[in-house]
């Protein structure tokens, strides 16, 4: 016969959960997943209420996350800018990190290291896409100098400038 005393019943339940912790934990997680899937409006209302009651804690958590993962914040702002310009495509933070590894964390134009920026080979302002195939890591100076040129135009300009510099150095030395 089940225990009729509520305190003894709770104590028995706690003991059962303690003994069967792992199984109970997985069972609880599965039940919560089912509830979330079957009650999206109730979950959203519960989440909104929690955020309203714990506004300072939630904001502090968001600030910590942004500081810990600046690349995600940057990716969000890049996607927004691309969307506002009507660019098609998108790329993920992990794709960007793979691209940085491919370029050995160096600028695709000059080869310098340091902090890299995502540069569009064909600029968004000239109809380029926001796909990873249109992205190249660039150092700040190269990205600013390139401005709205395509990568081909910029490389031609770099070659012309380098030739002019060599001619000036040759005249000065000679």
N, C-alpha and C. Protein backbone atom coordinates (compact mmCIF):
# COMPACT_ATOMS: atom_id res chain seq x y z
N UNK A 1 0.85 -1.19 0.00
CA UNK A 1 0.00 0.00 0.00
C UNK A 1 0.89 1.24 0.00
N UNK A 2 0.54 2.23 -0.86
CA UNK A 2 1.37 3.44 -0.94
C UNK A 2 1.35 4.21 0.37
N UNK A 3 2.43 4.93 0.56
CA UNK A 3 2.58 5.72 1.78
C UNK A 3 1.62 6.90 1.73
N UNK A 4 0.80 7.07 2.76
CA UNK A 4 -0.19 8.15 2.78
C UNK A 4 0.36 9.42 3.41
N UNK A 5 1.43 9.32 4.15
CA UNK A 5 2.03 10.51 4.76
C UNK A 5 2.85 11.25 3.69
N UNK A 6 2.49 12.52 3.37
CA UNK A 6 3.18 13.26 2.29
C UNK A 6 4.68 13.41 2.53
N UNK A 7 5.11 13.62 3.77
CA UNK A 7 6.53 13.78 4.06
C UNK A 7 7.30 12.48 3.80
N UNK A 8 6.74 11.36 4.24
CA UNK A 8 7.40 10.08 4.01
C UNK A 8 7.42 9.75 2.52
N UNK A 9 6.35 10.09 1.81
CA UNK A 9 6.28 9.82 0.37
C UNK A 9 7.37 10.61 -0.35
N UNK A 10 7.52 11.92 0.00
CA UNK A 10 8.56 12.76 -0.62
C UNK A 10 9.95 12.21 -0.30
N UNK A 11 10.14 11.76 0.94
CA UNK A 11 11.44 11.19 1.32
C UNK A 11 11.74 9.94 0.50
N UNK A 12 10.74 9.09 0.30
CA UNK A 12 10.92 7.88 -0.51
C UNK A 12 11.22 8.25 -1.96
N UNK A 13 10.54 9.28 -2.47
CA UNK A 13 10.79 9.71 -3.85
C UNK A 13 12.21 10.26 -4.01
N UNK A 14 12.64 11.06 -3.03
CA UNK A 14 14.00 11.60 -3.08
C UNK A 14 15.03 10.47 -3.04
N UNK A 15 14.81 9.49 -2.21
CA UNK A 15 15.72 8.35 -2.11
C UNK A 15 15.75 7.57 -3.43
N UNK A 16 14.58 7.37 -4.03
CA UNK A 16 14.51 6.67 -5.31
C UNK A 16 15.29 7.44 -6.38
N UNK A 17 15.10 8.75 -6.43
CA UNK A 17 15.80 9.59 -7.41
C UNK A 17 17.30 9.53 -7.16
N UNK A 18 17.72 9.57 -5.90
CA UNK A 18 19.15 9.50 -5.58
C UNK A 18 19.74 8.18 -6.07
N UNK A 19 19.05 7.09 -5.84
CA UNK A 19 19.55 5.78 -6.25
C UNK A 19 19.57 5.61 -7.77
N UNK A 20 18.63 6.24 -8.44
CA UNK A 20 18.47 6.09 -9.90
C UNK A 20 18.76 7.41 -10.62
N UNK A 21 19.76 8.12 -10.14
CA UNK A 21 20.03 9.49 -10.61
C UNK A 21 20.21 9.57 -12.13
N UNK A 22 21.11 8.78 -12.69
CA UNK A 22 21.41 8.88 -14.12
C UNK A 22 20.18 8.58 -14.97
N UNK A 23 19.50 7.49 -14.65
CA UNK A 23 18.30 7.12 -15.40
C UNK A 23 17.22 8.20 -15.25
N UNK A 24 17.07 8.68 -14.03
CA UNK A 24 16.06 9.71 -13.77
C UNK A 24 16.41 11.01 -14.49
N UNK A 25 17.70 11.36 -14.51
CA UNK A 25 18.15 12.58 -15.18
C UNK A 25 17.81 12.52 -16.66
N UNK A 26 18.12 11.41 -17.32
CA UNK A 26 17.82 11.27 -18.75
C UNK A 26 16.32 11.29 -18.98
N UNK A 27 15.57 10.61 -18.11
CA UNK A 27 14.12 10.60 -18.22
C UNK A 27 13.55 12.02 -18.09
N UNK A 28 14.08 12.79 -17.14
CA UNK A 28 13.62 14.17 -16.94
C UNK A 28 13.94 15.03 -18.16
N UNK A 29 15.14 14.86 -18.69
CA UNK A 29 15.53 15.64 -19.87
C UNK A 29 14.62 15.30 -21.06
N UNK A 30 14.36 14.03 -21.25
CA UNK A 30 13.48 13.62 -22.35
C UNK A 30 12.08 14.19 -22.17
N UNK A 31 11.58 14.14 -20.95
CA UNK A 31 10.25 14.68 -20.67
C UNK A 31 10.21 16.19 -20.94
N UNK A 32 11.26 16.90 -20.56
CA UNK A 32 11.31 18.34 -20.78
C UNK A 32 11.38 18.65 -22.28
N UNK A 33 12.16 17.88 -23.02
CA UNK A 33 12.23 18.08 -24.47
C UNK A 33 10.86 17.88 -25.11
N UNK A 34 10.13 16.83 -24.68
CA UNK A 34 8.78 16.59 -25.22
C UNK A 34 7.86 17.76 -24.87
N UNK A 35 7.95 18.24 -23.64
CA UNK A 35 7.08 19.35 -23.23
C UNK A 35 7.38 20.60 -24.06
N UNK A 36 8.66 20.92 -24.26
CA UNK A 36 9.03 22.10 -25.05
C UNK A 36 8.52 21.98 -26.48
N UNK A 37 8.64 20.79 -27.04
CA UNK A 37 8.19 20.58 -28.41
C UNK A 37 6.67 20.71 -28.52
N UNK A 38 5.95 20.21 -27.55
CA UNK A 38 4.48 20.21 -27.59
C UNK A 38 3.85 21.50 -27.09
N UNK A 39 4.62 22.35 -26.42
CA UNK A 39 4.05 23.58 -25.82
C UNK A 39 4.91 24.81 -26.15
N UNK A 40 5.08 25.16 -27.42
CA UNK A 40 5.98 26.27 -27.76
C UNK A 40 5.50 27.62 -27.21
N UNK A 41 4.18 27.85 -27.22
CA UNK A 41 3.68 29.13 -26.70
C UNK A 41 3.88 29.23 -25.19
N UNK A 42 3.60 28.15 -24.49
CA UNK A 42 3.77 28.16 -23.03
C UNK A 42 5.25 28.33 -22.68
N UNK A 43 6.12 27.70 -23.45
CA UNK A 43 7.55 27.84 -23.19
C UNK A 43 7.99 29.29 -23.42
N UNK A 44 7.53 29.88 -24.52
CA UNK A 44 7.89 31.27 -24.81
C UNK A 44 7.39 32.20 -23.71
N UNK A 45 6.17 31.97 -23.23
CA UNK A 45 5.62 32.80 -22.15
C UNK A 45 6.43 32.62 -20.87
N UNK A 46 6.80 31.37 -20.58
CA UNK A 46 7.60 31.10 -19.38
C UNK A 46 8.97 31.77 -19.48
N UNK A 47 9.59 31.69 -20.67
CA UNK A 47 10.90 32.32 -20.86
C UNK A 47 10.82 33.83 -20.74
N UNK A 48 9.77 34.43 -21.31
CA UNK A 48 9.59 35.90 -21.19
C UNK A 48 9.41 36.31 -19.74
N UNK A 49 8.62 35.54 -19.01
CA UNK A 49 8.38 35.85 -17.59
C UNK A 49 9.69 35.75 -16.80
N UNK A 50 10.48 34.71 -17.07
CA UNK A 50 11.76 34.54 -16.38
C UNK A 50 12.67 35.72 -16.68
N UNK A 51 12.75 36.10 -17.95
CA UNK A 51 13.63 37.22 -18.33
C UNK A 51 13.16 38.53 -17.70
N UNK A 52 11.87 38.70 -17.56
CA UNK A 52 11.34 39.92 -16.93
C UNK A 52 11.68 39.93 -15.43
N UNK A 53 11.60 38.77 -14.77
CA UNK A 53 11.89 38.70 -13.34
C UNK A 53 13.39 38.81 -13.05
N UNK A 54 14.23 38.34 -13.96
CA UNK A 54 15.68 38.29 -13.74
C UNK A 54 16.44 39.10 -14.78
N UNK A 55 15.95 40.30 -15.04
CA UNK A 55 16.50 41.12 -16.11
C UNK A 55 18.01 41.37 -15.97
N UNK A 56 18.46 41.72 -14.78
CA UNK A 56 19.88 42.02 -14.57
C UNK A 56 20.75 40.78 -14.78
N UNK A 57 20.31 39.64 -14.29
CA UNK A 57 21.09 38.41 -14.46
C UNK A 57 21.17 38.02 -15.94
N UNK A 58 20.06 38.13 -16.64
CA UNK A 58 20.04 37.77 -18.06
C UNK A 58 20.95 38.71 -18.85
N UNK A 59 20.87 40.02 -18.58
CA UNK A 59 21.72 40.98 -19.28
C UNK A 59 23.20 40.73 -18.99
N UNK A 60 23.53 40.42 -17.74
CA UNK A 60 24.92 40.13 -17.38
C UNK A 60 25.41 38.88 -18.11
N UNK A 61 24.55 37.89 -18.22
CA UNK A 61 24.90 36.67 -18.93
C UNK A 61 25.16 36.96 -20.41
N UNK A 62 24.33 37.80 -21.01
CA UNK A 62 24.52 38.17 -22.41
C UNK A 62 25.84 38.92 -22.61
N UNK A 63 26.15 39.82 -21.70
CA UNK A 63 27.41 40.59 -21.79
C UNK A 63 28.60 39.64 -21.69
N UNK A 64 28.55 38.68 -20.73
CA UNK A 64 29.65 37.72 -20.60
C UNK A 64 29.81 36.90 -21.88
N UNK A 65 28.70 36.48 -22.46
CA UNK A 65 28.76 35.67 -23.67
C UNK A 65 29.36 36.48 -24.82
N UNK A 66 28.95 37.74 -24.97
CA UNK A 66 29.49 38.58 -26.05
C UNK A 66 30.99 38.79 -25.90
N UNK A 67 31.45 38.96 -24.66
CA UNK A 67 32.88 39.15 -24.43
C UNK A 67 33.65 37.86 -24.71
N UNK A 68 33.05 36.74 -24.37
CA UNK A 68 33.73 35.45 -24.56
C UNK A 68 33.75 35.04 -26.03
N UNK A 69 32.74 35.46 -26.82
CA UNK A 69 32.61 35.04 -28.22
C UNK A 69 32.44 36.26 -29.14
N UNK A 70 33.46 37.11 -29.27
CA UNK A 70 33.30 38.32 -30.10
C UNK A 70 33.08 38.00 -31.58
N UNK A 71 33.58 36.85 -32.04
CA UNK A 71 33.43 36.49 -33.45
C UNK A 71 31.96 36.27 -33.81
N UNK A 72 31.16 35.78 -32.87
CA UNK A 72 29.74 35.59 -33.13
C UNK A 72 29.03 36.93 -33.28
N UNK A 73 29.36 37.89 -32.41
CA UNK A 73 28.76 39.21 -32.49
C UNK A 73 29.10 39.86 -33.82
N UNK A 74 30.35 39.71 -34.24
CA UNK A 74 30.81 40.27 -35.50
C UNK A 74 30.08 39.63 -36.68
N UNK A 75 29.90 38.32 -36.63
CA UNK A 75 29.20 37.61 -37.70
C UNK A 75 27.75 38.08 -37.81
N UNK A 76 27.13 38.35 -36.67
CA UNK A 76 25.75 38.82 -36.68
C UNK A 76 25.66 40.19 -37.35
N UNK A 77 26.59 41.08 -37.02
CA UNK A 77 26.55 42.42 -37.63
C UNK A 77 26.87 42.36 -39.11
N UNK A 78 27.77 41.44 -39.51
CA UNK A 78 28.07 41.29 -40.94
C UNK A 78 26.86 40.78 -41.71
N UNK A 79 26.17 39.78 -41.14
CA UNK A 79 24.97 39.25 -41.80
C UNK A 79 23.91 40.33 -41.94
N UNK A 80 23.76 41.15 -40.91
CA UNK A 80 22.76 42.21 -40.97
C UNK A 80 23.09 43.22 -42.07
N UNK A 81 24.36 43.61 -42.16
CA UNK A 81 24.77 44.56 -43.20
C UNK A 81 24.53 43.97 -44.59
N UNK A 82 24.88 42.70 -44.76
CA UNK A 82 24.66 42.03 -46.05
C UNK A 82 23.17 41.97 -46.39
N UNK A 83 22.37 41.66 -45.40
CA UNK A 83 20.91 41.60 -45.61
C UNK A 83 20.37 42.96 -46.00
N UNK A 84 20.84 44.01 -45.34
CA UNK A 84 20.37 45.37 -45.65
C UNK A 84 20.75 45.78 -47.07
N UNK A 85 21.88 45.29 -47.57
CA UNK A 85 22.31 45.60 -48.93
C UNK A 85 21.71 44.65 -49.96
N UNK A 86 20.92 43.71 -49.50
CA UNK A 86 20.24 42.79 -50.41
C UNK A 86 21.13 41.68 -50.95
N UNK A 87 22.24 41.41 -50.28
CA UNK A 87 23.16 40.37 -50.74
C UNK A 87 22.59 38.99 -50.45
N UNK A 88 22.86 38.08 -51.35
CA UNK A 88 22.42 36.70 -51.14
C UNK A 88 23.51 35.93 -50.41
N UNK A 89 23.15 34.80 -49.84
CA UNK A 89 24.12 33.92 -49.21
C UNK A 89 24.41 34.27 -47.77
N UNK A 90 25.20 33.40 -47.17
CA UNK A 90 25.56 33.56 -45.77
C UNK A 90 26.70 32.59 -45.47
N UNK A 91 27.43 32.84 -44.41
CA UNK A 91 28.45 31.90 -43.96
C UNK A 91 28.47 31.89 -42.45
N UNK A 92 28.96 30.79 -41.90
CA UNK A 92 28.96 30.61 -40.46
C UNK A 92 30.31 30.99 -39.86
N UNK A 93 30.33 31.12 -38.55
CA UNK A 93 31.57 31.40 -37.84
C UNK A 93 32.57 30.27 -38.06
N UNK A 94 32.08 29.03 -38.05
CA UNK A 94 32.99 27.90 -38.25
C UNK A 94 33.60 27.92 -39.66
N UNK A 95 32.82 28.31 -40.67
CA UNK A 95 33.37 28.43 -42.03
C UNK A 95 34.44 29.52 -42.08
N UNK A 96 34.21 30.62 -41.38
CA UNK A 96 35.19 31.70 -41.33
C UNK A 96 36.48 31.22 -40.66
N UNK A 97 36.35 30.47 -39.57
CA UNK A 97 37.53 29.98 -38.88
C UNK A 97 38.32 28.99 -39.75
N UNK A 98 37.61 28.17 -40.53
CA UNK A 98 38.29 27.26 -41.47
C UNK A 98 39.02 28.05 -42.54
N UNK A 99 38.39 29.13 -43.03
CA UNK A 99 39.03 29.98 -44.04
C UNK A 99 40.28 30.64 -43.47
N UNK A 100 40.22 31.09 -42.22
CA UNK A 100 41.40 31.68 -41.59
C UNK A 100 42.53 30.65 -41.49
N UNK A 101 42.19 29.42 -41.15
CA UNK A 101 43.20 28.36 -41.09
C UNK A 101 43.80 28.11 -42.46
N UNK A 102 42.97 28.12 -43.50
CA UNK A 102 43.45 27.90 -44.87
C UNK A 102 44.49 28.96 -45.25
N UNK A 103 44.23 30.21 -44.84
CA UNK A 103 45.15 31.31 -45.14
C UNK A 103 46.22 31.46 -44.05
N UNK A 104 46.30 30.50 -43.14
CA UNK A 104 47.30 30.50 -42.08
C UNK A 104 47.23 31.76 -41.22
N UNK A 105 46.01 32.24 -40.97
CA UNK A 105 45.76 33.43 -40.13
C UNK A 105 46.46 34.67 -40.71
N UNK A 106 46.59 34.72 -42.04
CA UNK A 106 47.30 35.84 -42.67
C UNK A 106 46.41 36.50 -43.71
N UNK A 107 46.75 37.74 -44.02
CA UNK A 107 46.02 38.53 -45.01
C UNK A 107 46.15 37.87 -46.38
N UNK A 108 45.06 37.77 -47.10
CA UNK A 108 45.07 37.18 -48.43
C UNK A 108 45.72 38.07 -49.47
N UNK A 109 45.97 39.33 -49.14
CA UNK A 109 46.55 40.27 -50.11
C UNK A 109 48.04 40.50 -49.85
N UNK A 110 48.41 40.81 -48.61
CA UNK A 110 49.81 41.16 -48.33
C UNK A 110 50.54 40.10 -47.52
N UNK A 111 49.81 39.15 -46.91
CA UNK A 111 50.45 38.09 -46.15
C UNK A 111 50.77 38.43 -44.71
N UNK A 112 50.44 39.62 -44.26
CA UNK A 112 50.69 39.99 -42.86
C UNK A 112 49.77 39.22 -41.93
N UNK A 113 50.23 39.01 -40.70
CA UNK A 113 49.42 38.34 -39.69
C UNK A 113 48.65 39.37 -38.88
N UNK A 114 48.12 38.94 -37.77
CA UNK A 114 47.36 39.84 -36.89
C UNK A 114 45.88 39.59 -37.02
N UNK A 115 45.12 40.58 -36.61
CA UNK A 115 43.66 40.45 -36.62
C UNK A 115 43.15 40.59 -38.05
N UNK A 116 42.38 39.62 -38.48
CA UNK A 116 41.86 39.61 -39.85
C UNK A 116 40.41 40.07 -39.89
N UNK A 117 40.06 40.68 -41.01
CA UNK A 117 38.69 41.11 -41.28
C UNK A 117 38.18 40.33 -42.48
N UNK A 118 36.89 40.07 -42.51
CA UNK A 118 36.30 39.38 -43.65
C UNK A 118 36.12 40.40 -44.77
N UNK A 119 36.80 40.18 -45.88
CA UNK A 119 36.71 41.08 -47.02
C UNK A 119 35.97 40.37 -48.14
N UNK A 120 35.04 41.06 -48.77
CA UNK A 120 34.30 40.50 -49.89
C UNK A 120 35.12 40.69 -51.16
N UNK A 121 35.44 39.60 -51.85
CA UNK A 121 36.21 39.68 -53.10
C UNK A 121 35.50 40.60 -54.09
N UNK A 122 34.21 40.34 -54.29
CA UNK A 122 33.37 41.27 -55.05
C UNK A 122 32.54 41.98 -53.99
N UNK A 123 32.74 43.29 -53.80
CA UNK A 123 32.07 44.00 -52.70
C UNK A 123 30.55 43.89 -52.75
N UNK A 124 29.94 43.92 -51.58
CA UNK A 124 28.48 43.88 -51.50
C UNK A 124 27.88 45.06 -52.27
N UNK A 125 28.58 46.20 -52.22
CA UNK A 125 28.07 47.40 -52.90
C UNK A 125 28.06 47.25 -54.42
N UNK A 126 28.79 46.24 -54.93
CA UNK A 126 28.83 46.00 -56.37
C UNK A 126 28.14 44.69 -56.75
N UNK A 127 27.27 44.24 -55.85
CA UNK A 127 26.46 43.07 -56.16
C UNK A 127 27.06 41.74 -55.74
N UNK A 128 28.11 41.75 -54.94
CA UNK A 128 28.72 40.51 -54.47
C UNK A 128 27.85 39.79 -53.47
N UNK A 129 28.07 38.50 -53.35
CA UNK A 129 27.28 37.71 -52.41
C UNK A 129 27.96 37.69 -51.04
N UNK A 130 27.24 37.17 -50.07
CA UNK A 130 27.77 37.05 -48.71
C UNK A 130 28.14 35.60 -48.41
N UNK A 131 28.39 34.80 -49.46
CA UNK A 131 28.82 33.40 -49.30
C UNK A 131 30.29 33.36 -48.93
N UNK A 132 30.70 32.26 -48.32
CA UNK A 132 32.10 32.10 -47.92
C UNK A 132 33.02 32.08 -49.14
N UNK A 133 32.50 31.69 -50.30
CA UNK A 133 33.32 31.67 -51.52
C UNK A 133 33.68 33.07 -51.97
N UNK A 134 32.96 34.08 -51.50
CA UNK A 134 33.24 35.47 -51.86
C UNK A 134 33.99 36.20 -50.74
N UNK A 135 34.45 35.47 -49.74
CA UNK A 135 35.11 36.08 -48.59
C UNK A 135 36.60 35.73 -48.60
N UNK A 136 37.42 36.70 -48.21
CA UNK A 136 38.86 36.48 -48.06
C UNK A 136 39.31 37.23 -46.81
N UNK A 137 40.19 36.62 -46.00
CA UNK A 137 40.69 37.35 -44.84
C UNK A 137 41.64 38.46 -45.30
N UNK A 138 41.47 39.63 -44.71
CA UNK A 138 42.32 40.77 -45.06
C UNK A 138 42.68 41.52 -43.78
N UNK A 139 43.90 42.06 -43.77
CA UNK A 139 44.28 42.91 -42.63
C UNK A 139 43.53 44.23 -42.79
N UNK A 140 43.47 45.00 -41.72
CA UNK A 140 42.74 46.26 -41.75
C UNK A 140 43.22 47.21 -42.84
N UNK A 141 44.56 47.46 -42.96
CA UNK A 141 45.03 48.37 -43.99
C UNK A 141 44.65 47.93 -45.41
N UNK A 142 44.81 46.65 -45.72
CA UNK A 142 44.45 46.18 -47.06
C UNK A 142 42.95 46.30 -47.30
N UNK A 143 42.15 45.96 -46.29
CA UNK A 143 40.70 46.04 -46.45
C UNK A 143 40.26 47.48 -46.67
N UNK A 144 40.87 48.42 -45.96
CA UNK A 144 40.51 49.83 -46.15
C UNK A 144 40.99 50.34 -47.51
N UNK A 145 42.19 49.95 -47.93
CA UNK A 145 42.69 50.39 -49.23
C UNK A 145 41.87 49.82 -50.37
N UNK A 146 41.43 48.58 -50.23
CA UNK A 146 40.65 47.93 -51.28
C UNK A 146 39.32 48.62 -51.47
N UNK A 147 38.72 49.02 -50.38
CA UNK A 147 37.43 49.75 -50.41
C UNK A 147 36.42 49.01 -51.28
N UNK A 148 35.97 49.62 -52.38
CA UNK A 148 34.94 49.00 -53.22
C UNK A 148 35.49 48.35 -54.48
N UNK A 149 36.80 48.10 -54.51
CA UNK A 149 37.38 47.40 -55.66
C UNK A 149 37.15 45.90 -55.51
N UNK A 150 37.17 45.19 -56.63
CA UNK A 150 37.15 43.73 -56.55
C UNK A 150 38.55 43.28 -56.18
N UNK A 151 38.71 42.02 -55.83
CA UNK A 151 40.05 41.55 -55.46
C UNK A 151 41.00 41.61 -56.65
N UNK A 152 40.49 41.39 -57.87
CA UNK A 152 41.33 41.46 -59.08
C UNK A 152 41.81 42.89 -59.29
N UNK A 153 40.91 43.86 -59.17
CA UNK A 153 41.29 45.27 -59.35
C UNK A 153 42.31 45.69 -58.28
N UNK A 154 42.11 45.23 -57.06
CA UNK A 154 43.02 45.60 -55.98
C UNK A 154 44.40 45.01 -56.20
N UNK A 155 44.46 43.76 -56.63
CA UNK A 155 45.76 43.13 -56.89
C UNK A 155 46.49 43.84 -58.03
N UNK A 156 45.74 44.26 -59.07
CA UNK A 156 46.36 45.01 -60.17
C UNK A 156 46.92 46.33 -59.64
N UNK A 157 46.15 46.99 -58.77
CA UNK A 157 46.60 48.25 -58.19
C UNK A 157 47.84 48.03 -57.34
N UNK A 158 47.84 46.96 -56.56
CA UNK A 158 49.01 46.65 -55.73
C UNK A 158 50.24 46.44 -56.61
N UNK A 159 50.10 45.75 -57.73
CA UNK A 159 51.21 45.50 -58.64
C UNK A 159 51.73 46.80 -59.23
N UNK A 160 50.82 47.68 -59.66
CA UNK A 160 51.22 48.97 -60.24
C UNK A 160 51.94 49.81 -59.22
N UNK A 161 51.42 49.87 -58.01
CA UNK A 161 52.05 50.66 -56.93
C UNK A 161 53.43 50.10 -56.62
N UNK A 162 53.57 48.76 -56.58
CA UNK A 162 54.86 48.15 -56.28
C UNK A 162 55.88 48.46 -57.38
N UNK A 163 55.46 48.46 -58.65
CA UNK A 163 56.35 48.78 -59.76
C UNK A 163 56.81 50.23 -59.66
N UNK A 164 55.87 51.12 -59.36
CA UNK A 164 56.22 52.55 -59.23
C UNK A 164 57.21 52.75 -58.09
N UNK A 165 56.99 52.04 -56.98
CA UNK A 165 57.92 52.17 -55.84
C UNK A 165 59.32 51.70 -56.22
N UNK A 166 59.40 50.57 -56.94
CA UNK A 166 60.70 50.06 -57.36
C UNK A 166 61.41 51.05 -58.28
N UNK A 167 60.66 51.70 -59.19
CA UNK A 167 61.26 52.68 -60.10
C UNK A 167 61.79 53.87 -59.31
N UNK A 168 61.04 54.34 -58.34
CA UNK A 168 61.47 55.48 -57.51
C UNK A 168 62.71 55.10 -56.73
N UNK A 169 62.73 53.91 -56.14
CA UNK A 169 63.90 53.47 -55.36
C UNK A 169 65.11 53.30 -56.29
N UNK A 170 64.87 52.77 -57.50
CA UNK A 170 65.96 52.57 -58.46
C UNK A 170 66.55 53.90 -58.89
N UNK A 171 65.69 54.91 -59.15
CA UNK A 171 66.18 56.26 -59.55
C UNK A 171 66.95 56.89 -58.42
N UNK A 172 66.45 56.75 -57.18
CA UNK A 172 67.11 57.37 -56.03
C UNK A 172 68.47 56.72 -55.78
N UNK A 173 68.56 55.41 -56.02
CA UNK A 173 69.82 54.71 -55.77
C UNK A 173 70.81 54.91 -56.91
N UNK A 174 70.29 55.20 -58.09
CA UNK A 174 71.14 55.15 -59.23
C UNK A 174 71.73 56.28 -59.83
